[in-house]
Protein backbone atom coordinates (compact mmCIF):
# COMPACT_ATOMS: atom_id res chain seq x y z
CA MET A 1 42.88 -7.87 -25.26
CA ASP A 2 43.01 -11.02 -27.43
CA ALA A 3 40.28 -12.16 -29.80
CA ASN A 4 38.87 -14.77 -27.39
CA LYS A 5 38.43 -12.22 -24.63
CA LEU A 6 36.78 -9.82 -27.04
CA ARG A 7 34.34 -12.51 -28.16
CA GLN A 8 33.58 -13.36 -24.52
CA ALA A 9 33.00 -9.68 -23.71
CA ASP A 10 30.65 -9.43 -26.67
CA ARG A 11 28.76 -12.55 -25.56
CA ILE A 12 28.38 -11.30 -22.00
CA SER A 13 27.24 -7.91 -23.27
CA SER A 14 24.55 -9.53 -25.40
CA LEU A 15 23.39 -11.58 -22.39
CA LEU A 16 23.26 -8.45 -20.24
CA LEU A 17 21.18 -6.77 -22.94
CA LYS A 18 18.75 -9.70 -22.92
CA LYS A 19 18.54 -9.55 -19.14
CA LEU A 20 17.65 -5.87 -19.29
CA THR A 21 14.94 -6.54 -21.88
CA ALA A 22 13.61 -9.66 -20.09
CA ALA A 23 14.52 -11.91 -23.04
CA LEU A 24 16.90 -14.36 -21.36
CA THR A 25 16.24 -18.08 -21.78
CA ASP A 26 16.84 -20.41 -18.83
CA LYS A 27 20.02 -21.66 -20.49
CA GLU A 28 21.30 -18.12 -21.03
CA GLN A 29 20.48 -17.22 -17.42
CA ARG A 30 22.62 -20.14 -16.25
CA GLU A 31 25.42 -18.97 -18.56
CA LEU A 32 25.23 -15.49 -17.07
CA ASP A 33 25.19 -16.91 -13.54
CA ALA A 34 28.32 -18.93 -14.35
CA TRP A 35 30.04 -15.73 -15.51
CA ALA A 36 29.27 -13.99 -12.17
CA THR A 37 32.15 -15.62 -10.30
CA THR A 38 33.36 -12.49 -8.49
CA ASP A 39 31.66 -10.25 -5.95
CA ARG A 40 31.84 -7.34 -8.38
CA ARG A 41 30.09 -9.27 -11.15
CA ARG A 42 27.43 -10.63 -8.80
CA GLN A 43 26.78 -7.12 -7.51
CA TYR A 44 26.39 -5.84 -11.06
CA LEU A 45 23.85 -8.54 -11.90
CA GLN A 46 21.88 -7.59 -8.82
CA GLN A 47 22.02 -3.93 -9.84
CA LEU A 48 20.49 -4.80 -13.21
CA SER A 49 17.36 -5.79 -11.29
CA ASP A 50 17.37 -2.58 -9.24
CA ALA A 51 15.05 0.03 -10.71
CA ASP A 52 16.75 2.97 -8.95
CA PHE A 53 20.20 1.90 -10.18
CA LEU A 54 18.99 1.53 -13.76
CA ALA A 55 17.21 4.87 -13.68
CA ASP A 56 20.44 6.52 -12.49
CA GLU A 57 22.44 4.58 -15.08
CA ARG A 58 20.11 5.75 -17.84
CA GLN A 59 20.57 9.37 -16.73
CA ARG A 60 24.36 8.93 -16.72
CA LEU A 61 24.31 7.35 -20.18
CA LYS A 62 22.00 10.09 -21.40
CA GLU A 63 24.46 12.78 -20.25
CA THR A 64 27.52 11.03 -21.73
CA ASP A 65 29.03 12.42 -24.93
CA TRP A 66 29.70 9.10 -26.66
CA GLN A 67 31.34 10.62 -29.71
CA THR A 68 33.90 12.46 -27.60
CA ALA A 69 34.51 9.37 -25.43
CA LEU A 70 35.21 7.18 -28.46
CA GLN A 71 37.45 9.84 -30.01
CA GLN A 72 39.47 9.95 -26.79
CA MET A 73 39.79 6.16 -26.89
CA GLN A 74 40.93 6.35 -30.53
CA GLN A 75 43.49 8.98 -29.58
CA ARG A 76 44.92 6.74 -26.84
CA ILE A 77 45.13 3.83 -29.27
CA ASP A 78 46.84 6.03 -31.89
CA GLU A 79 49.37 7.11 -29.26
CA GLU A 80 50.07 3.46 -28.42
CA GLN A 81 50.48 2.69 -32.11
CA GLY A 82 53.03 5.50 -32.37
CA SER A 83 55.23 3.84 -29.76
CA ASN A 84 54.61 0.32 -31.05
CA SER A 85 54.15 0.04 -34.82
CA SER A 86 53.55 -3.71 -34.82
CA SER A 87 50.78 -4.42 -37.34
CA ALA A 88 49.44 -7.16 -35.06
CA ASN A 89 49.10 -4.75 -32.15
CA ALA A 90 47.57 -2.08 -34.37
CA GLY A 91 44.99 -4.58 -35.63
CA ASN A 92 44.16 -5.70 -32.09
CA ASN A 93 43.78 -2.09 -30.99
CA ARG A 94 41.42 -1.32 -33.84
CA ARG A 95 39.37 -4.39 -32.99
CA LEU A 96 39.41 -3.33 -29.33
CA LEU A 97 37.98 0.06 -30.24
CA ARG A 98 35.34 -1.50 -32.44
CA TRP A 99 34.27 -4.05 -29.84
CA ALA A 100 34.33 -1.47 -27.04
CA ALA A 101 31.99 0.76 -29.05
CA VAL A 102 29.66 -2.18 -29.76
CA ILE A 103 29.61 -3.28 -26.13
CA VAL A 104 28.93 0.23 -24.84
CA MET A 105 26.12 0.75 -27.31
CA LEU A 106 24.59 -2.64 -26.45
CA ILE A 107 24.45 -1.75 -22.77
CA ALA A 108 23.15 1.74 -23.49
CA THR A 109 20.46 0.30 -25.77
CA GLY A 110 19.48 -2.28 -23.15
CA VAL A 111 19.13 0.33 -20.42
CA THR A 112 17.06 2.54 -22.73
CA VAL A 113 14.74 -0.34 -23.67
CA TRP A 114 14.41 -1.28 -20.02
CA TYR A 115 13.62 2.30 -19.06
CA HIS A 116 10.86 2.62 -21.63
CA ARG A 117 9.29 -0.61 -20.43
CA TYR A 118 9.74 0.30 -16.81
CA SER A 119 8.36 3.83 -17.16
CA ARG A 120 5.49 2.93 -19.48
CA VAL A 121 2.06 3.80 -18.12
CA GLU A 122 -0.47 1.07 -18.90
CA PRO A 123 -4.11 2.13 -18.44
CA PRO A 124 -6.38 -0.75 -17.43
CA VAL A 125 -8.77 -2.37 -19.87
CA LEU A 126 -12.22 -2.79 -18.34
CA ASP A 127 -13.98 -6.14 -18.63
CA ASN A 128 -17.00 -6.22 -20.92
CA GLN A 129 -19.23 -6.92 -17.88
CA VAL A 130 -18.05 -3.70 -16.25
CA GLN A 131 -18.67 -1.70 -19.41
CA VAL A 132 -22.20 -3.11 -19.64
CA ALA A 133 -22.78 -2.24 -15.96
CA MET A 134 -21.64 1.34 -16.59
CA GLN A 135 -24.12 1.65 -19.45
CA GLN A 136 -26.98 0.17 -17.41
CA SER A 137 -26.16 2.47 -14.51
CA ARG A 138 -26.45 5.51 -16.75
CA GLN A 139 -29.65 4.27 -18.39
CA THR A 140 -31.38 3.61 -15.06
CA GLY A 141 -30.34 6.95 -13.59
CA HIS A 142 -28.10 5.44 -10.90
CA GLN A 143 -24.85 6.96 -12.13
CA ALA A 144 -24.64 10.46 -10.72
CA ALA A 145 -22.34 12.42 -8.43
CA VAL A 146 -21.47 15.92 -7.29
CA VAL A 147 -18.13 16.98 -8.79
CA ASP A 148 -16.40 20.10 -7.53
CA THR A 149 -12.95 21.71 -7.56
CA LEU A 150 -11.60 22.59 -4.12
CA ALA A 151 -9.35 25.35 -5.45
CA ASN A 152 -12.50 27.30 -6.28
CA GLN A 153 -13.99 26.85 -2.81
CA PRO A 154 -11.87 28.60 -0.16
CA ALA A 155 -14.63 27.99 2.42
CA GLU A 156 -13.92 24.26 2.15
CA ARG A 157 -10.20 24.52 2.87
CA ALA A 158 -10.51 24.02 6.63
CA ALA A 159 -12.67 20.90 6.23
CA VAL A 160 -10.36 19.44 3.57
CA LYS A 161 -7.27 20.16 5.65
CA LYS A 162 -8.88 18.38 8.58
CA GLU A 163 -9.75 15.37 6.40
CA LEU A 164 -6.21 15.14 5.04
CA ALA A 165 -4.82 15.24 8.58
CA ARG A 166 -7.27 12.52 9.63
CA CYS A 167 -5.96 10.38 6.76
CA HIS A 168 -2.31 11.20 7.61
CA VAL A 169 -1.61 12.90 4.25
CA THR A 170 1.34 15.30 4.43
CA GLY A 171 3.93 17.03 2.25
CA GLU A 172 3.57 17.40 -1.51
CA ALA A 173 0.59 15.06 -1.63
CA ALA A 174 -1.34 17.22 0.85
CA GLU A 175 -0.53 20.38 -1.11
CA LEU A 176 -1.85 18.85 -4.34
CA LEU A 177 -4.99 17.50 -2.69
CA MET A 178 -5.81 20.85 -1.11
CA LYS A 179 -6.52 22.00 -4.69
CA ALA A 180 -7.98 18.68 -5.80
CA GLN A 181 -11.16 17.53 -7.41
CA ARG A 182 -13.84 16.01 -5.17
CA VAL A 183 -16.50 13.54 -6.25
CA THR A 184 -19.37 12.66 -3.90
CA THR A 185 -22.16 10.16 -4.43
CA HIS A 186 -25.41 10.21 -2.47
CA GLN A 187 -27.82 7.65 -1.01
CA ASP A 188 -28.98 5.79 -4.10
CA LYS A 189 -26.27 6.69 -6.62
CA GLU A 190 -22.93 5.37 -7.82
CA TYR A 191 -20.25 6.75 -10.11
CA TRP A 192 -17.41 5.53 -12.31
CA LEU A 193 -14.54 7.98 -12.17
CA ARG A 194 -11.65 7.92 -14.67
CA LEU A 195 -8.48 9.61 -13.43
CA ASP A 196 -5.73 11.41 -15.33
CA ASP A 197 -3.60 8.24 -15.69
CA GLY A 198 -6.48 6.02 -16.86
CA THR A 199 -7.27 4.54 -13.44
CA TYR A 200 -10.95 3.75 -12.82
CA ILE A 201 -12.63 4.17 -9.44
CA HIS A 202 -16.15 2.81 -9.01
CA LEU A 203 -17.73 4.74 -6.14
CA ASN A 204 -20.60 3.06 -4.33
CA ASN A 205 -23.36 5.14 -2.77
CA ASN A 206 -22.51 7.65 -0.01
CA THR A 207 -18.85 7.75 -0.99
CA ARG A 208 -16.37 10.60 -1.41
CA VAL A 209 -13.02 10.66 -3.25
CA LEU A 210 -10.40 13.41 -3.39
CA PHE A 211 -7.96 13.32 -6.33
CA PRO A 212 -5.79 15.80 -8.27
CA GLU A 213 -6.98 16.77 -11.72
CA HIS A 214 -3.49 15.90 -13.01
CA PHE A 215 -0.87 13.71 -11.32
CA THR A 216 2.31 15.79 -11.16
CA GLY A 217 4.21 14.51 -8.11
CA ASP A 218 6.31 11.43 -7.43
CA THR A 219 3.22 9.54 -6.25
CA ARG A 220 -0.42 9.35 -7.32
CA ASP A 221 -2.38 10.11 -4.16
CA VAL A 222 -6.13 9.91 -3.58
CA VAL A 223 -8.29 9.94 -0.45
CA VAL A 224 -11.40 7.78 -0.13
CA ASP A 225 -14.21 7.84 2.42
CA GLY A 226 -16.86 5.20 1.81
CA GLU A 227 -16.79 2.20 -0.50
CA ALA A 228 -14.97 2.00 -3.83
CA TYR A 229 -13.56 -0.50 -6.30
CA PHE A 230 -10.21 0.47 -7.88
CA THR A 231 -8.83 -0.65 -11.23
CA VAL A 232 -5.43 1.05 -11.27
CA ALA A 233 -3.20 2.01 -14.20
CA HIS A 234 0.24 0.40 -14.08
CA ASP A 235 2.98 3.00 -13.52
CA ARG A 236 6.00 1.72 -11.60
CA ARG A 237 7.64 5.14 -11.47
CA HIS A 238 4.69 6.75 -9.68
CA PRO A 239 3.14 4.56 -6.97
CA PHE A 240 -0.64 4.88 -6.56
CA ILE A 241 -1.56 5.47 -2.91
CA VAL A 242 -5.06 5.36 -1.43
CA HIS A 243 -5.30 7.18 1.91
CA THR A 244 -7.87 6.28 4.58
CA PRO A 245 -8.06 7.22 8.27
CA GLU A 246 -6.92 3.72 9.28
CA GLY A 247 -4.02 3.39 6.87
CA ALA A 248 -2.56 3.80 3.37
CA ILE A 249 -2.75 1.35 0.48
CA GLN A 250 0.10 1.35 -2.02
CA VAL A 251 -0.74 -0.11 -5.39
CA TYR A 252 1.41 -1.73 -8.05
CA GLY A 253 -1.18 -1.96 -10.87
CA THR A 254 -4.13 -4.02 -9.73
CA GLU A 255 -7.80 -4.36 -8.77
CA PHE A 256 -8.97 -4.06 -5.19
CA HIS A 257 -11.91 -3.03 -3.04
CA VAL A 258 -11.87 -0.55 -0.15
CA SER A 259 -14.56 0.19 2.41
CA THR A 260 -14.12 2.61 5.30
CA ARG A 261 -17.70 2.14 6.52
CA THR A 262 -17.99 -1.30 8.03
CA GLN A 263 -20.35 -1.97 10.93
CA LYS A 264 -17.41 -2.27 13.31
CA GLY A 265 -15.92 1.08 12.30
CA THR A 266 -12.90 -0.47 10.61
CA THR A 267 -11.50 -0.23 7.09
CA GLU A 268 -11.52 -3.32 4.86
CA VAL A 269 -9.19 -3.84 1.91
CA VAL A 270 -9.77 -6.80 -0.43
CA LEU A 271 -7.18 -7.62 -3.11
CA VAL A 272 -8.78 -9.13 -6.21
CA LYS A 273 -5.68 -9.37 -8.40
CA GLY A 274 -2.25 -7.81 -8.72
CA SER A 275 -0.19 -6.59 -5.79
CA ILE A 276 -0.77 -4.07 -3.00
CA SER A 277 0.66 -3.26 0.38
CA VAL A 278 -1.20 -1.78 3.33
CA THR A 279 0.41 0.34 6.02
CA PRO A 280 -1.85 0.64 9.09
CA ALA A 281 -1.75 4.10 10.63
CA TYR A 282 -1.40 2.77 14.17
CA SER A 283 1.75 0.70 13.49
CA GLY A 284 3.38 2.16 10.37
CA GLU A 285 4.47 -1.33 9.31
CA GLU A 286 3.90 -2.11 5.63
CA GLN A 287 2.27 -5.48 4.95
CA MET A 288 1.81 -7.16 1.57
CA LEU A 289 -1.48 -8.72 0.48
CA LYS A 290 -1.93 -11.60 -1.93
CA PRO A 291 -4.91 -11.93 -4.30
CA GLY A 292 -7.85 -13.41 -2.41
CA GLN A 293 -6.88 -11.84 0.91
CA LYS A 294 -8.73 -9.27 3.00
CA MET A 295 -7.16 -6.96 5.54
CA THR A 296 -9.26 -5.40 8.29
CA ILE A 297 -7.70 -2.33 9.90
CA GLY A 298 -8.79 -0.67 13.14
CA HIS A 299 -7.34 1.90 15.48
CA ASP A 300 -5.07 -0.66 17.12
CA MET A 301 -5.34 -3.81 14.99
CA ALA A 302 -4.74 -5.20 11.52
CA VAL A 303 -5.90 -8.69 10.56
CA ILE A 304 -5.22 -10.48 7.26
CA GLY A 305 -7.25 -13.49 6.15
CA ASN A 306 -8.44 -15.28 3.04
CA THR A 307 -11.76 -14.25 1.55
CA ASP A 308 -14.08 -14.91 -1.37
CA THR A 309 -13.55 -12.02 -3.81
CA GLU A 310 -16.64 -12.73 -5.91
CA PRO A 311 -19.07 -10.63 -3.82
CA TYR A 312 -16.70 -7.66 -4.24
CA THR A 313 -16.23 -8.06 -7.98
CA ALA A 314 -19.96 -8.75 -8.44
CA TRP A 315 -21.15 -5.28 -7.41
CA ASN A 316 -18.54 -3.77 -9.71
CA THR A 317 -20.25 -5.59 -12.59
CA GLY A 318 -23.80 -4.68 -11.60
CA ILE A 319 -24.70 -7.71 -9.49
CA PHE A 320 -25.99 -8.14 -5.93
CA LEU A 321 -24.50 -11.44 -4.77
CA PHE A 322 -25.80 -12.76 -1.45
CA ARG A 323 -24.42 -15.93 0.11
CA TYR A 324 -26.23 -16.95 3.30
CA LEU A 325 -26.55 -13.32 4.30
CA PRO A 326 -29.28 -12.57 6.87
CA LEU A 327 -32.34 -10.99 5.29
CA GLN A 328 -31.87 -7.92 7.51
CA LYS A 329 -28.46 -7.20 5.94
CA VAL A 330 -29.82 -7.86 2.45
CA CYS A 331 -32.57 -5.35 3.09
CA ASP A 332 -30.03 -2.85 4.42
CA VAL A 333 -28.24 -3.04 1.05
CA LEU A 334 -31.48 -2.68 -0.92
CA ALA A 335 -32.68 0.17 1.31
CA ARG A 336 -29.58 2.23 0.52
CA TRP A 337 -29.67 1.43 -3.19
CA TYR A 338 -33.38 2.05 -3.77
CA ASP A 339 -33.79 4.71 -1.06
CA VAL A 340 -36.59 2.85 0.74
CA GLN A 341 -37.27 1.48 4.26
CA PHE A 342 -37.90 -2.12 5.31
CA GLU A 343 -39.97 -3.39 8.20
CA MET A 344 -39.88 -7.06 9.19
CA GLU A 345 -42.24 -9.11 11.29
CA ASP A 346 -39.83 -10.63 13.78
CA ASP A 347 -36.25 -11.84 14.36
CA GLU A 348 -36.95 -15.14 12.62
CA VAL A 349 -37.65 -13.24 9.40
CA ARG A 350 -34.70 -10.88 9.93
CA GLN A 351 -32.24 -13.76 10.35
CA LEU A 352 -33.46 -15.81 7.40
CA PRO A 353 -30.35 -16.64 5.29
CA ILE A 354 -30.54 -15.39 1.72
CA VAL A 355 -28.72 -17.04 -1.19
CA GLY A 356 -29.06 -15.51 -4.63
CA THR A 357 -27.87 -13.29 -7.43
CA PHE A 358 -29.86 -10.19 -8.31
CA ASP A 359 -29.50 -7.62 -11.08
CA ARG A 360 -28.41 -4.36 -9.45
CA TYR A 361 -30.24 -2.31 -12.08
CA GLU A 362 -33.53 -4.19 -11.90
CA GLN A 363 -36.68 -2.25 -11.01
CA LEU A 364 -37.50 -2.41 -7.29
CA GLU A 365 -40.82 -4.17 -7.92
CA ASN A 366 -39.07 -6.94 -9.86
CA MET A 367 -36.43 -7.19 -7.13
CA LEU A 368 -39.08 -7.57 -4.42
CA ASP A 369 -40.95 -10.15 -6.49
CA ALA A 370 -37.78 -12.20 -6.91
CA LEU A 371 -36.98 -11.88 -3.20
CA GLY A 372 -40.49 -13.01 -2.25
CA LYS A 373 -40.32 -16.05 -4.54
CA SER A 374 -36.87 -17.07 -3.33
CA THR A 375 -37.80 -16.84 0.39
CA GLY A 376 -41.48 -17.82 0.43
CA LEU A 377 -42.17 -14.64 2.40
CA ALA A 378 -44.94 -12.17 1.67
CA ILE A 379 -43.93 -8.63 0.80
CA ARG A 380 -46.05 -5.47 0.68
CA ARG A 381 -45.02 -2.01 -0.45
CA SER A 382 -46.62 1.25 0.59
CA GLY A 383 -44.76 4.23 -0.83
CA ARG A 384 -41.18 4.09 0.45
CA THR A 385 -42.01 1.56 3.19
CA ILE A 386 -41.76 -2.17 2.49
CA THR A 387 -43.11 -4.74 4.95
CA ILE A 388 -41.91 -8.36 4.98
CA SER A 389 -43.76 -11.04 6.92
CA LYS A 390 -44.92 -14.64 6.79
CA ASP A 391 -48.58 -13.89 6.17
CA ILE A 392 -48.98 -10.66 4.16
CA THR A 393 -49.54 -10.91 0.43
CA TYR A 394 -47.25 -8.85 -1.77
CA GLN A 395 -49.16 -6.17 -3.71
């Protein structure tokens, strides 16, 4: 191999290293594309973007005895020198060995750097608003849940097995979840749950989540029944999968909202940011969602459409955000949160559109006062019963 070819091999190796470590400039990418003039080279460039190939390549490199390999190369060169004592050839062979070692080590280093980046687990960083909401929830007594370990409750095994079957969880994931942790919130409570990998799940009231105490399998599987907001740790080697009766959500490090308790008996998935796919149980066809999209899944349907994500992120930060929502639905939300009952005068009052932002951790009396002022309606409370009308003075 002449000096020019060695220099070109070195240059290409350095470009391949930069590609592996995501450091290529646009100009260098064009240079590498110009080098890929054969099918073999083009295939190799494609493989450098294939996570499975690189993981296998790293394992192969890891198992290679580089010292022995280079010694064998030196031995072959020495044998060639014995049959051809030309000083020029000997010098070229020495340079060949040196460059080959450099090129091999460059590629090995690049694959190692790529692997560490690829396999790195990145726990999410919660927004300051969310952290404040967590503190307020604790201070107002809203953050509470029942936490139990299923492995210690053999009487629950039949019910858990039935729930896993209903959510189509099988194999290793089902085995792990049969011994999982279970967190359940009740009527007027919520709970922020931090998982083994750093993922946060914000459970709304009347919600249940199954999750393993430690993630040990190829995937990170949880089961949710109710309403929850997920902020998932980034781990490309171990996909995060949320199982529901209507389908499975596969996560690639993101924030999204899930509710299995809509009025129509469907499951809703709203992607706030990042990337997720949803596989409806009835079809088995994986579909990707973009940020700002909502997917509604039923027993025989799956519909994707654009949506406003602010109402979903608002409750995660301690806010009730109502945008032209009928008063009846607003009161349904408040009834669950404050564990009270509402009675309204007539359909005109029930259908009154409400627009406003309310502090989720405000005292009920202050909430009712704000609601009365914003609507012009009169509100009266008697114990756990609240009456709303057009002619009753709030007391």
